[in-house]
């Protein structure tokens, strides 16, 4: 069963909503050890919240369908959570996510 573009788009829009929330910056500074400017830069420039429908369709087309994907998130790049979860969701209807104890803020 293939996932729809709307499902991934919804995930991307949810990440954008989190990134646009001014109250997320301080918790990310605390959990990542990055400067405020570094967190703001990452949210603004490196979080992939402007993916086109064509890019989302390519992601879905390249995903190998399976029944369940378990994602273990790294604490090193908090913005990577969106791509990891989107790739997992493109492949499977059931996705479980293990947050890093060093950076549980963004993905939560």
PDB file of N, CA and C in Angstrom:
ATOM      1  N   UNK A   1       0.844  -1.189   0.000  1.00  0.00           N
ATOM      2  CA  UNK A   1       0.000   0.000   0.000  1.00  0.00           C
ATOM      3  C   UNK A   1       0.883   1.243   0.000  1.00  0.00           C
ATOM      4  N   UNK A   2       0.707   2.065  -0.976  1.00  0.00           N
ATOM      5  CA  UNK A   2       1.527   3.260  -1.120  1.00  0.00           C
ATOM      6  C   UNK A   2       0.955   4.408  -0.284  1.00  0.00           C
ATOM      7  N   UNK A   3       1.849   5.178   0.289  1.00  0.00           N
ATOM      8  CA  UNK A   3       1.451   6.345   1.065  1.00  0.00           C
ATOM      9  C   UNK A   3       1.163   7.492   0.094  1.00  0.00           C
ATOM     10  N   UNK A   4       0.257   8.358   0.475  1.00  0.00           N
ATOM     11  CA  UNK A   4      -0.075   9.481  -0.403  1.00  0.00           C
ATOM     12  C   UNK A   4       0.860  10.661  -0.144  1.00  0.00           C
ATOM     13  N   UNK A   5       0.941  11.513  -1.138  1.00  0.00           N
ATOM     14  CA  UNK A   5       1.718  12.740  -1.015  1.00  0.00           C
ATOM     15  C   UNK A   5       1.196  13.577   0.150  1.00  0.00           C
ATOM     16  N   UNK A   6      -0.121  13.558   0.361  1.00  0.00           N
ATOM     17  CA  UNK A   6      -0.720  14.358   1.431  1.00  0.00           C
ATOM     18  C   UNK A   6      -0.233  13.929   2.815  1.00  0.00           C
ATOM     19  N   UNK A   7       0.019  12.652   3.000  1.00  0.00           N
ATOM     20  CA  UNK A   7       0.499  12.162   4.295  1.00  0.00           C
ATOM     21  C   UNK A   7       1.874  12.763   4.610  1.00  0.00           C
ATOM     22  N   UNK A   8       2.768  12.736   3.631  1.00  0.00           N
ATOM     23  CA  UNK A   8       4.107  13.294   3.838  1.00  0.00           C
ATOM     24  C   UNK A   8       4.026  14.813   3.925  1.00  0.00           C
ATOM     25  N   UNK A   9       3.195  15.419   3.112  1.00  0.00           N
ATOM     26  CA  UNK A   9       3.015  16.879   3.171  1.00  0.00           C
ATOM     27  C   UNK A   9       2.546  17.296   4.563  1.00  0.00           C
ATOM     28  N   UNK A  10       1.639  16.535   5.156  1.00  0.00           N
ATOM     29  CA  UNK A  10       1.151  16.823   6.508  1.00  0.00           C
ATOM     30  C   UNK A  10       2.306  16.774   7.516  1.00  0.00           C
ATOM     31  N   UNK A  11       3.180  15.797   7.373  1.00  0.00           N
ATOM     32  CA  UNK A  11       4.349  15.679   8.244  1.00  0.00           C
ATOM     33  C   UNK A  11       5.271  16.892   8.078  1.00  0.00           C
ATOM     34  N   UNK A  12       5.512  17.295   6.851  1.00  0.00           N
ATOM     35  CA  UNK A  12       6.361  18.460   6.574  1.00  0.00           C
ATOM     36  C   UNK A  12       5.739  19.726   7.156  1.00  0.00           C
ATOM     37  N   UNK A  13       4.438  19.884   6.997  1.00  0.00           N
ATOM     38  CA  UNK A  13       3.759  21.065   7.546  1.00  0.00           C
ATOM     39  C   UNK A  13       3.792  21.077   9.072  1.00  0.00           C
ATOM     40  N   UNK A  14       3.694  19.910   9.688  1.00  0.00           N
ATOM     41  CA  UNK A  14       3.800  19.830  11.149  1.00  0.00           C
ATOM     42  C   UNK A  14       5.191  20.268  11.605  1.00  0.00           C
ATOM     43  N   UNK A  15       6.218  19.847  10.880  1.00  0.00           N
ATOM     44  CA  UNK A  15       7.590  20.257  11.215  1.00  0.00           C
ATOM     45  C   UNK A  15       7.754  21.762  11.044  1.00  0.00           C
ATOM     46  N   UNK A  16       7.141  22.314  10.016  1.00  0.00           N
ATOM     47  CA  UNK A  16       7.211  23.768   9.803  1.00  0.00           C
ATOM     48  C   UNK A  16       6.538  24.507  10.946  1.00  0.00           C
ATOM     49  N   UNK A  17       5.420  23.997  11.403  1.00  0.00           N
ATOM     50  CA  UNK A  17       4.715  24.612  12.532  1.00  0.00           C
ATOM     51  C   UNK A  17       5.594  24.614  13.779  1.00  0.00           C
ATOM     52  N   UNK A  18       6.279  23.515  14.029  1.00  0.00           N
ATOM     53  CA  UNK A  18       7.198  23.442  15.168  1.00  0.00           C
ATOM     54  C   UNK A  18       8.340  24.430  14.974  1.00  0.00           C
ATOM     55  N   UNK A  19       8.907  24.455  13.787  1.00  0.00           N
ATOM     56  CA  UNK A  19      10.039  25.350  13.507  1.00  0.00           C
ATOM     57  C   UNK A  19       9.650  26.816  13.632  1.00  0.00           C
ATOM     58  N   UNK A  20       8.418  27.149  13.302  1.00  0.00           N
ATOM     59  CA  UNK A  20       7.951  28.529  13.370  1.00  0.00           C
ATOM     60  C   UNK A  20       7.556  28.957  14.779  1.00  0.00           C
ATOM     61  N   UNK A  21       7.489  28.012  15.694  1.00  0.00           N
ATOM     62  CA  UNK A  21       7.108  28.321  17.079  1.00  0.00           C
ATOM     63  C   UNK A  21       8.307  28.948  17.796  1.00  0.00           C
ATOM     64  N   UNK A  22       8.208  30.208  18.217  1.00  0.00           N
ATOM     65  CA  UNK A  22       9.356  30.852  18.867  1.00  0.00           C
ATOM     66  C   UNK A  22       9.742  30.197  20.191  1.00  0.00           C
ATOM     67  N   UNK A  23       8.839  29.430  20.767  1.00  0.00           N
ATOM     68  CA  UNK A  23       9.130  28.786  22.050  1.00  0.00           C
ATOM     69  C   UNK A  23       9.943  27.503  21.910  1.00  0.00           C
ATOM     70  N   UNK A  24      10.218  27.065  20.692  1.00  0.00           N
ATOM     71  CA  UNK A  24      11.016  25.854  20.491  1.00  0.00           C
ATOM     72  C   UNK A  24      12.518  26.141  20.555  1.00  0.00           C
ATOM     73  N   UNK A  25      12.916  27.375  20.302  1.00  0.00           N
ATOM     74  CA  UNK A  25      14.341  27.693  20.195  1.00  0.00           C
ATOM     75  C   UNK A  25      15.084  27.449  21.511  1.00  0.00           C
ATOM     76  N   UNK A  26      14.605  27.979  22.604  1.00  0.00           N
ATOM     77  CA  UNK A  26      15.322  27.806  23.875  1.00  0.00           C
ATOM     78  C   UNK A  26      15.467  26.343  24.281  1.00  0.00           C
ATOM     79  N   UNK A  27      14.404  25.521  24.207  1.00  0.00           N
ATOM     80  CA  UNK A  27      14.600  24.103  24.521  1.00  0.00           C
ATOM     81  C   UNK A  27      15.614  23.415  23.600  1.00  0.00           C
ATOM     82  N   UNK A  28      15.649  23.817  22.326  1.00  0.00           N
ATOM     83  CA  UNK A  28      16.634  23.237  21.413  1.00  0.00           C
ATOM     84  C   UNK A  28      18.044  23.688  21.763  1.00  0.00           C
ATOM     85  N   UNK A  29      18.202  24.940  22.161  1.00  0.00           N
ATOM     86  CA  UNK A  29      19.516  25.422  22.599  1.00  0.00           C
ATOM     87  C   UNK A  29      19.982  24.594  23.792  1.00  0.00           C
ATOM     88  N   UNK A  30      19.086  24.349  24.738  1.00  0.00           N
ATOM     89  CA  UNK A  30      19.440  23.578  25.935  1.00  0.00           C
ATOM     90  C   UNK A  30      19.794  22.124  25.601  1.00  0.00           C
ATOM     91  N   UNK A  31      19.010  21.506  24.734  1.00  0.00           N
ATOM     92  CA  UNK A  31      19.232  20.075  24.473  1.00  0.00           C
ATOM     93  C   UNK A  31      20.381  19.806  23.518  1.00  0.00           C
ATOM     94  N   UNK A  32      20.635  20.735  22.589  1.00  0.00           N
ATOM     95  CA  UNK A  32      21.671  20.487  21.582  1.00  0.00           C
ATOM     96  C   UNK A  32      23.024  21.069  21.933  1.00  0.00           C
ATOM     97  N   UNK A  33      23.024  22.109  22.764  1.00  0.00           N
ATOM     98  CA  UNK A  33      24.280  22.789  23.060  1.00  0.00           C
ATOM     99  C   UNK A  33      24.667  23.796  21.986  1.00  0.00           C
ATOM    100  N   UNK A  34      23.834  23.943  20.972  1.00  0.00           N
ATOM    101  CA  UNK A  34      24.087  24.932  19.931  1.00  0.00           C
ATOM    102  C   UNK A  34      23.743  26.325  20.451  1.00  0.00           C
ATOM    103  N   UNK A  35      24.268  27.323  19.810  1.00  0.00           N
ATOM    104  CA  UNK A  35      23.903  28.699  20.149  1.00  0.00           C
ATOM    105  C   UNK A  35      22.485  28.971  19.650  1.00  0.00           C
ATOM    106  N   UNK A  36      21.892  30.019  20.169  1.00  0.00           N
ATOM    107  CA  UNK A  36      20.571  30.435  19.703  1.00  0.00           C
ATOM    108  C   UNK A  36      20.611  30.704  18.198  1.00  0.00           C
ATOM    109  N   UNK A  37      21.670  31.379  17.757  1.00  0.00           N
ATOM    110  CA  UNK A  37      21.797  31.687  16.337  1.00  0.00           C
ATOM    111  C   UNK A  37      21.933  30.414  15.506  1.00  0.00           C
ATOM    112  N   UNK A  38      22.640  29.429  16.028  1.00  0.00           N
ATOM    113  CA  UNK A  38      22.798  28.161  15.311  1.00  0.00           C
ATOM    114  C   UNK A  38      21.483  27.411  15.171  1.00  0.00           C
ATOM    115  N   UNK A  39      20.704  27.406  16.239  1.00  0.00           N
ATOM    116  CA  UNK A  39      19.392  26.749  16.194  1.00  0.00           C
ATOM    117  C   UNK A  39      18.476  27.475  15.218  1.00  0.00           C
ATOM    118  N   UNK A  40      18.446  28.791  15.298  1.00  0.00           N
ATOM    119  CA  UNK A  40      17.592  29.560  14.390  1.00  0.00           C
ATOM    120  C   UNK A  40      17.998  29.352  12.933  1.00  0.00           C
ATOM    121  N   UNK A  41      19.297  29.316  12.675  1.00  0.00           N
ATOM    122  CA  UNK A  41      19.795  29.064  11.320  1.00  0.00           C
ATOM    123  C   UNK A  41      19.359  27.680  10.839  1.00  0.00           C
ATOM    124  N   UNK A  42      19.522  26.678  11.682  1.00  0.00           N
ATOM    125  CA  UNK A  42      19.143  25.313  11.302  1.00  0.00           C
ATOM    126  C   UNK A  42      17.654  25.226  10.984  1.00  0.00           C
ATOM    127  N   UNK A  43      16.829  25.839  11.813  1.00  0.00           N
ATOM    128  CA  UNK A  43      15.385  25.805  11.578  1.00  0.00           C
ATOM    129  C   UNK A  43      15.008  26.548  10.299  1.00  0.00           C
ATOM    130  N   UNK A  44      15.676  27.638  10.044  1.00  0.00           N
ATOM    131  CA  UNK A  44      15.348  28.482   8.894  1.00  0.00           C
ATOM    132  C   UNK A  44      15.909  27.928   7.581  1.00  0.00           C
ATOM    133  N   UNK A  45      17.140  27.419   7.610  1.00  0.00           N
ATOM    134  CA  UNK A  45      17.840  27.064   6.366  1.00  0.00           C
ATOM    135  C   UNK A  45      17.977  25.568   6.090  1.00  0.00           C
ATOM    136  N   UNK A  46      17.977  24.735   7.127  1.00  0.00           N
ATOM    137  CA  UNK A  46      18.322  23.327   6.915  1.00  0.00           C
ATOM    138  C   UNK A  46      17.194  22.344   7.169  1.00  0.00           C
ATOM    139  N   UNK A  47      16.131  22.795   7.794  1.00  0.00           N
ATOM    140  CA  UNK A  47      14.970  21.939   7.973  1.00  0.00           C
ATOM    141  C   UNK A  47      14.201  21.933   6.655  1.00  0.00           C
ATOM    142  N   UNK A  48      13.946  20.781   6.115  1.00  0.00           N
ATOM    143  CA  UNK A  48      13.384  20.676   4.764  1.00  0.00           C
ATOM    144  C   UNK A  48      11.861  20.839   4.758  1.00  0.00           C
ATOM    145  N   UNK A  49      11.423  22.083   4.981  1.00  0.00           N
ATOM    146  CA  UNK A  49       9.985  22.342   5.056  1.00  0.00           C
ATOM    147  C   UNK A  49       9.405  22.941   3.779  1.00  0.00           C
ATOM    148  N   UNK A  50      10.205  23.017   2.737  1.00  0.00           N
ATOM    149  CA  UNK A  50       9.691  23.559   1.481  1.00  0.00           C
ATOM    150  C   UNK A  50       9.766  22.540   0.346  1.00  0.00           C
ATOM    151  N   UNK A  51       9.643  21.282   0.679  1.00  0.00           N
ATOM    152  CA  UNK A  51       9.698  20.223  -0.331  1.00  0.00           C
ATOM    153  C   UNK A  51       8.525  20.361  -1.300  1.00  0.00           C
ATOM    154  N   UNK A  52       8.829  20.250  -2.564  1.00  0.00           N
ATOM    155  CA  UNK A  52       7.777  20.316  -3.588  1.00  0.00           C
ATOM    156  C   UNK A  52       7.031  18.985  -3.644  1.00  0.00           C
ATOM    157  N   UNK A  53       5.865  19.005  -4.279  1.00  0.00           N
ATOM    158  CA  UNK A  53       5.126  17.754  -4.463  1.00  0.00           C
ATOM    159  C   UNK A  53       5.944  16.754  -5.268  1.00  0.00           C
ATOM    160  N   UNK A  54       6.694  17.242  -6.246  1.00  0.00           N
ATOM    161  CA  UNK A  54       7.537  16.347  -7.060  1.00  0.00           C
ATOM    162  C   UNK A  54       8.610  15.687  -6.192  1.00  0.00           C
ATOM    163  N   UNK A  55       9.210  16.446  -5.294  1.00  0.00           N
ATOM    164  CA  UNK A  55      10.230  15.870  -4.400  1.00  0.00           C
ATOM    165  C   UNK A  55       9.612  14.842  -3.458  1.00  0.00           C
ATOM    166  N   UNK A  56       8.432  15.135  -2.964  1.00  0.00           N
ATOM    167  CA  UNK A  56       7.747  14.185  -2.081  1.00  0.00           C
ATOM    168  C   UNK A  56       7.369  12.925  -2.857  1.00  0.00           C
ATOM    169  N   UNK A  57       6.887  13.092  -4.072  1.00  0.00           N
ATOM    170  CA  UNK A  57       6.549  11.936  -4.907  1.00  0.00           C
ATOM    171  C   UNK A  57       7.780  11.082  -5.198  1.00  0.00           C
ATOM    172  N   UNK A  58       8.930  11.706  -5.401  1.00  0.00           N
ATOM    173  CA  UNK A  58      10.179  10.964  -5.616  1.00  0.00           C
ATOM    174  C   UNK A  58      10.554  10.187  -4.363  1.00  0.00           C
ATOM    175  N   UNK A  59      10.425  10.820  -3.200  1.00  0.00           N
ATOM    176  CA  UNK A  59      10.701  10.125  -1.937  1.00  0.00           C
ATOM    177  C   UNK A  59       9.834   8.879  -1.815  1.00  0.00           C
ATOM    178  N   UNK A  60       8.552   9.032  -2.068  1.00  0.00           N
ATOM    179  CA  UNK A  60       7.615   7.911  -1.957  1.00  0.00           C
ATOM    180  C   UNK A  60       7.954   6.820  -2.972  1.00  0.00           C
ATOM    181  N   UNK A  61       8.269   7.219  -4.195  1.00  0.00           N
ATOM    182  CA  UNK A  61       8.580   6.244  -5.245  1.00  0.00           C
ATOM    183  C   UNK A  61       9.840   5.446  -4.931  1.00  0.00           C
ATOM    184  N   UNK A  62      10.793   6.060  -4.248  1.00  0.00           N
ATOM    185  CA  UNK A  62      12.054   5.385  -3.946  1.00  0.00           C
ATOM    186  C   UNK A  62      12.006   4.562  -2.661  1.00  0.00           C
ATOM    187  N   UNK A  63      10.948   4.730  -1.882  1.00  0.00           N
ATOM    188  CA  UNK A  63      10.832   3.979  -0.630  1.00  0.00           C
ATOM    189  C   UNK A  63      10.453   2.531  -0.917  1.00  0.00           C
ATOM    190  N   UNK A  64      11.096   1.629  -0.227  1.00  0.00           N
ATOM    191  CA  UNK A  64      10.766   0.208  -0.366  1.00  0.00           C
ATOM    192  C   UNK A  64       9.645  -0.105   0.630  1.00  0.00           C
ATOM    193  N   UNK A  65       8.461  -0.460   0.140  1.00  0.00           N
ATOM    194  CA  UNK A  65       7.331  -0.695   1.029  1.00  0.00           C
ATOM    195  C   UNK A  65       7.583  -1.829   2.025  1.00  0.00           C
ATOM    196  N   UNK A  66       7.167  -1.600   3.235  1.00  0.00           N
ATOM    197  CA  UNK A  66       7.263  -2.593   4.299  1.00  0.00           C
ATOM    198  C   UNK A  66       6.135  -2.325   5.281  1.00  0.00           C
ATOM    199  N   UNK A  67       5.944  -3.201   6.229  1.00  0.00           N
ATOM    200  CA  UNK A  67       4.816  -3.034   7.154  1.00  0.00           C
ATOM    201  C   UNK A  67       5.143  -2.133   8.340  1.00  0.00           C
ATOM    202  N   UNK A  68       6.421  -2.092   8.750  1.00  0.00           N
ATOM    203  CA  UNK A  68       6.784  -1.318   9.936  1.00  0.00           C
ATOM    204  C   UNK A  68       8.235  -0.873   9.831  1.00  0.00           C
ATOM    205  N   UNK A  69       8.485   0.387  10.209  1.00  0.00           N
ATOM    206  CA  UNK A  69       9.846   0.914  10.260  1.00  0.00           C
ATOM    207  C   UNK A  69      10.079   1.483  11.658  1.00  0.00           C
ATOM    208  N   UNK A  70      11.198   1.137  12.239  1.00  0.00           N
ATOM    209  CA  UNK A  70      11.603   1.691  13.529  1.00  0.00           C
ATOM    210  C   UNK A  70      12.769   2.636  13.267  1.00  0.00           C
ATOM    211  N   UNK A  71      12.627   3.887  13.687  1.00  0.00           N
ATOM    212  CA  UNK A  71      13.634   4.912  13.466  1.00  0.00           C
ATOM    213  C   UNK A  71      14.322   5.224  14.792  1.00  0.00           C
ATOM    214  N   UNK A  72      15.638   5.209  14.790  1.00  0.00           N
ATOM    215  CA  UNK A  72      16.420   5.629  15.957  1.00  0.00           C
ATOM    216  C   UNK A  72      17.095   6.937  15.565  1.00  0.00           C
ATOM    217  N   UNK A  73      16.669   8.014  16.219  1.00  0.00           N
ATOM    218  CA  UNK A  73      17.158   9.343  15.853  1.00  0.00           C
ATOM    219  C   UNK A  73      18.491   9.666  16.501  1.00  0.00           C
ATOM    220  N   UNK A  74      19.314  10.339  15.755  1.00  0.00           N
ATOM    221  CA  UNK A  74      20.609  10.813  16.224  1.00  0.00           C
ATOM    222  C   UNK A  74      20.435  12.153  16.914  1.00  0.00           C
ATOM    223  N   UNK A  75      21.261  12.427  17.890  1.00  0.00           N
ATOM    224  CA  UNK A  75      21.234  13.727  18.563  1.00  0.00           C
ATOM    225  C   UNK A  75      22.110  14.733  17.835  1.00  0.00           C
ATOM    226  N   UNK A  76      22.908  14.290  16.906  1.00  0.00           N
ATOM    227  CA  UNK A  76      23.877  15.178  16.270  1.00  0.00           C
ATOM    228  C   UNK A  76      23.251  16.230  15.367  1.00  0.00           C
ATOM    229  N   UNK A  77      22.160  15.913  14.694  1.00  0.00           N
ATOM    230  CA  UNK A  77      21.538  16.845  13.763  1.00  0.00           C
ATOM    231  C   UNK A  77      20.023  16.789  13.989  1.00  0.00           C
ATOM    232  N   UNK A  78      19.531  17.699  14.816  1.00  0.00           N
ATOM    233  CA  UNK A  78      18.112  17.630  15.176  1.00  0.00           C
ATOM    234  C   UNK A  78      17.191  17.812  13.976  1.00  0.00           C
ATOM    235  N   UNK A  79      17.616  18.545  12.966  1.00  0.00           N
ATOM    236  CA  UNK A  79      16.765  18.742  11.789  1.00  0.00           C
ATOM    237  C   UNK A  79      16.635  17.464  10.958  1.00  0.00           C
ATOM    238  N   UNK A  80      17.523  16.505  11.163  1.00  0.00           N
ATOM    239  CA  UNK A  80      17.468  15.241  10.437  1.00  0.00           C
ATOM    240  C   UNK A  80      16.276  14.387  10.812  1.00  0.00           C
ATOM    241  N   UNK A  81      15.629  14.708  11.922  1.00  0.00           N
ATOM    242  CA  UNK A  81      14.468  13.924  12.354  1.00  0.00           C
ATOM    243  C   UNK A  81      13.351  13.957  11.312  1.00  0.00           C
ATOM    244  N   UNK A  82      13.131  15.106  10.707  1.00  0.00           N
ATOM    245  CA  UNK A  82      12.063  15.213   9.709  1.00  0.00           C
ATOM    246  C   UNK A  82      12.306  14.275   8.544  1.00  0.00           C
ATOM    247  N   UNK A  83      13.513  14.298   7.989  1.00  0.00           N
ATOM    248  CA  UNK A  83      13.804  13.425   6.844  1.00  0.00           C
ATOM    249  C   UNK A  83      13.717  11.951   7.242  1.00  0.00           C
ATOM    250  N   UNK A  84      14.257  11.605   8.399  1.00  0.00           N
ATOM    251  CA  UNK A  84      14.232  10.207   8.840  1.00  0.00           C
ATOM    252  C   UNK A  84      12.797   9.706   9.004  1.00  0.00           C
ATOM    253  N   UNK A  85      11.962  10.511   9.615  1.00  0.00           N
ATOM    254  CA  UNK A  85      10.573  10.102   9.834  1.00  0.00           C
ATOM    255  C   UNK A  85       9.807  10.106   8.515  1.00  0.00           C
ATOM    256  N   UNK A  86      10.045  11.079   7.651  1.00  0.00           N
ATOM    257  CA  UNK A  86       9.374  11.118   6.341  1.00  0.00           C
ATOM    258  C   UNK A  86       9.751   9.899   5.498  1.00  0.00           C
ATOM    259  N   UNK A  87      11.023   9.540   5.489  1.00  0.00           N
ATOM    260  CA  UNK A  87      11.452   8.350   4.732  1.00  0.00           C
ATOM    261  C   UNK A  87      10.792   7.094   5.286  1.00  0.00           C
ATOM    262  N   UNK A  88      10.740   6.993   6.603  1.00  0.00           N
ATOM    263  CA  UNK A  88      10.105   5.831   7.226  1.00  0.00           C
ATOM    264  C   UNK A  88       8.629   5.764   6.882  1.00  0.00           C
ATOM    265  N   UNK A  89       7.963   6.908   6.966  1.00  0.00           N
ATOM    266  CA  UNK A  89       6.518   6.946   6.697  1.00  0.00           C
ATOM    267  C   UNK A  89       6.221   6.690   5.224  1.00  0.00           C
ATOM    268  N   UNK A  90       7.122   7.089   4.343  1.00  0.00           N
ATOM    269  CA  UNK A  90       6.945   6.802   2.925  1.00  0.00           C
ATOM    270  C   UNK A  90       6.998   5.302   2.654  1.00  0.00           C
ATOM    271  N   UNK A  91       7.715   4.575   3.499  1.00  0.00           N
ATOM    272  CA  UNK A  91       7.884   3.136   3.313  1.00  0.00           C
ATOM    273  C   UNK A  91       6.850   2.294   4.055  1.00  0.00           C
ATOM    274  N   UNK A  92       6.324   2.809   5.159  1.00  0.00           N
ATOM    275  CA  UNK A  92       5.488   1.965   6.010  1.00  0.00           C
ATOM    276  C   UNK A  92       4.320   2.725   6.628  1.00  0.00           C
ATOM    277  N   UNK A  93       3.202   2.039   6.792  1.00  0.00           N
ATOM    278  CA  UNK A  93       2.066   2.664   7.466  1.00  0.00           C
ATOM    279  C   UNK A  93       2.267   2.758   8.976  1.00  0.00           C
ATOM    280  N   UNK A  94       3.150   1.921   9.505  1.00  0.00           N
ATOM    281  CA  UNK A  94       3.429   1.929  10.941  1.00  0.00           C
ATOM    282  C   UNK A  94       4.890   2.343  11.146  1.00  0.00           C
ATOM    283  N   UNK A  95       5.087   3.423  11.908  1.00  0.00           N
ATOM    284  CA  UNK A  95       6.424   3.932  12.182  1.00  0.00           C
ATOM    285  C   UNK A  95       6.554   4.143  13.682  1.00  0.00           C
ATOM    286  N   UNK A  96       7.603   3.604  14.260  1.00  0.00           N
ATOM    287  CA  UNK A  96       7.910   3.894  15.658  1.00  0.00           C
ATOM    288  C   UNK A  96       9.230   4.647  15.681  1.00  0.00           C
ATOM    289  N   UNK A  97       9.343   5.580  16.628  1.00  0.00           N
ATOM    290  CA  UNK A  97      10.502   6.456  16.678  1.00  0.00           C
ATOM    291  C   UNK A  97      11.111   6.409  18.066  1.00  0.00           C
ATOM    292  N   UNK A  98      12.405   6.167  18.119  1.00  0.00           N
ATOM    293  CA  UNK A  98      13.146   6.224  19.373  1.00  0.00           C
ATOM    294  C   UNK A  98      13.925   7.531  19.381  1.00  0.00           C
ATOM    295  N   UNK A  99      13.586   8.400  20.312  1.00  0.00           N
ATOM    296  CA  UNK A  99      14.256   9.690  20.414  1.00  0.00           C
ATOM    297  C   UNK A  99      15.625   9.530  21.050  1.00  0.00           C
ATOM    298  N   UNK A 100      16.526  10.396  20.703  1.00  0.00           N
ATOM    299  CA  UNK A 100      17.826  10.436  21.364  1.00  0.00           C
ATOM    300  C   UNK A 100      17.636  11.058  22.749  1.00  0.00           C
ATOM    301  N   UNK A 101      18.252  10.502  23.743  1.00  0.00           N
ATOM    302  CA  UNK A 101      18.142  11.072  25.089  1.00  0.00           C
ATOM    303  C   UNK A 101      18.889  12.405  25.154  1.00  0.00           C
ATOM    304  N   UNK A 102      19.798  12.642  24.198  1.00  0.00           N
ATOM    305  CA  UNK A 102      20.528  13.909  24.173  1.00  0.00           C
ATOM    306  C   UNK A 102      19.798  14.998  23.397  1.00  0.00           C
ATOM    307  N   UNK A 103      18.794  14.639  22.622  1.00  0.00           N
ATOM    308  CA  UNK A 103      18.013  15.649  21.918  1.00  0.00           C
ATOM    309  C   UNK A 103      16.608  15.137  21.641  1.00  0.00           C
ATOM    310  N   UNK A 104      15.764  15.110  22.658  1.00  0.00           N
ATOM    311  CA  UNK A 104      14.407  14.637  22.472  1.00  0.00           C
ATOM    312  C   UNK A 104      13.418  15.739  22.080  1.00  0.00           C
ATOM    313  N   UNK A 105      13.879  16.971  21.954  1.00  0.00           N
ATOM    314  CA  UNK A 105      12.986  18.127  21.845  1.00  0.00           C
ATOM    315  C   UNK A 105      12.282  18.229  20.496  1.00  0.00           C
ATOM    316  N   UNK A 106      13.020  18.336  19.406  1.00  0.00           N
ATOM    317  CA  UNK A 106      12.402  18.614  18.112  1.00  0.00           C
ATOM    318  C   UNK A 106      11.476  17.505  17.667  1.00  0.00           C
ATOM    319  N   UNK A 107      11.929  16.281  17.696  1.00  0.00           N
ATOM    320  CA  UNK A 107      11.107  15.169  17.203  1.00  0.00           C
ATOM    321  C   UNK A 107       9.857  14.963  18.045  1.00  0.00           C
ATOM    322  N   UNK A 108       9.960  15.201  19.313  1.00  0.00           N
ATOM    323  CA  UNK A 108       8.779  15.043  20.174  1.00  0.00           C
ATOM    324  C   UNK A 108       7.709  16.007  19.732  1.00  0.00           C
TER     325      UNK A 108
END
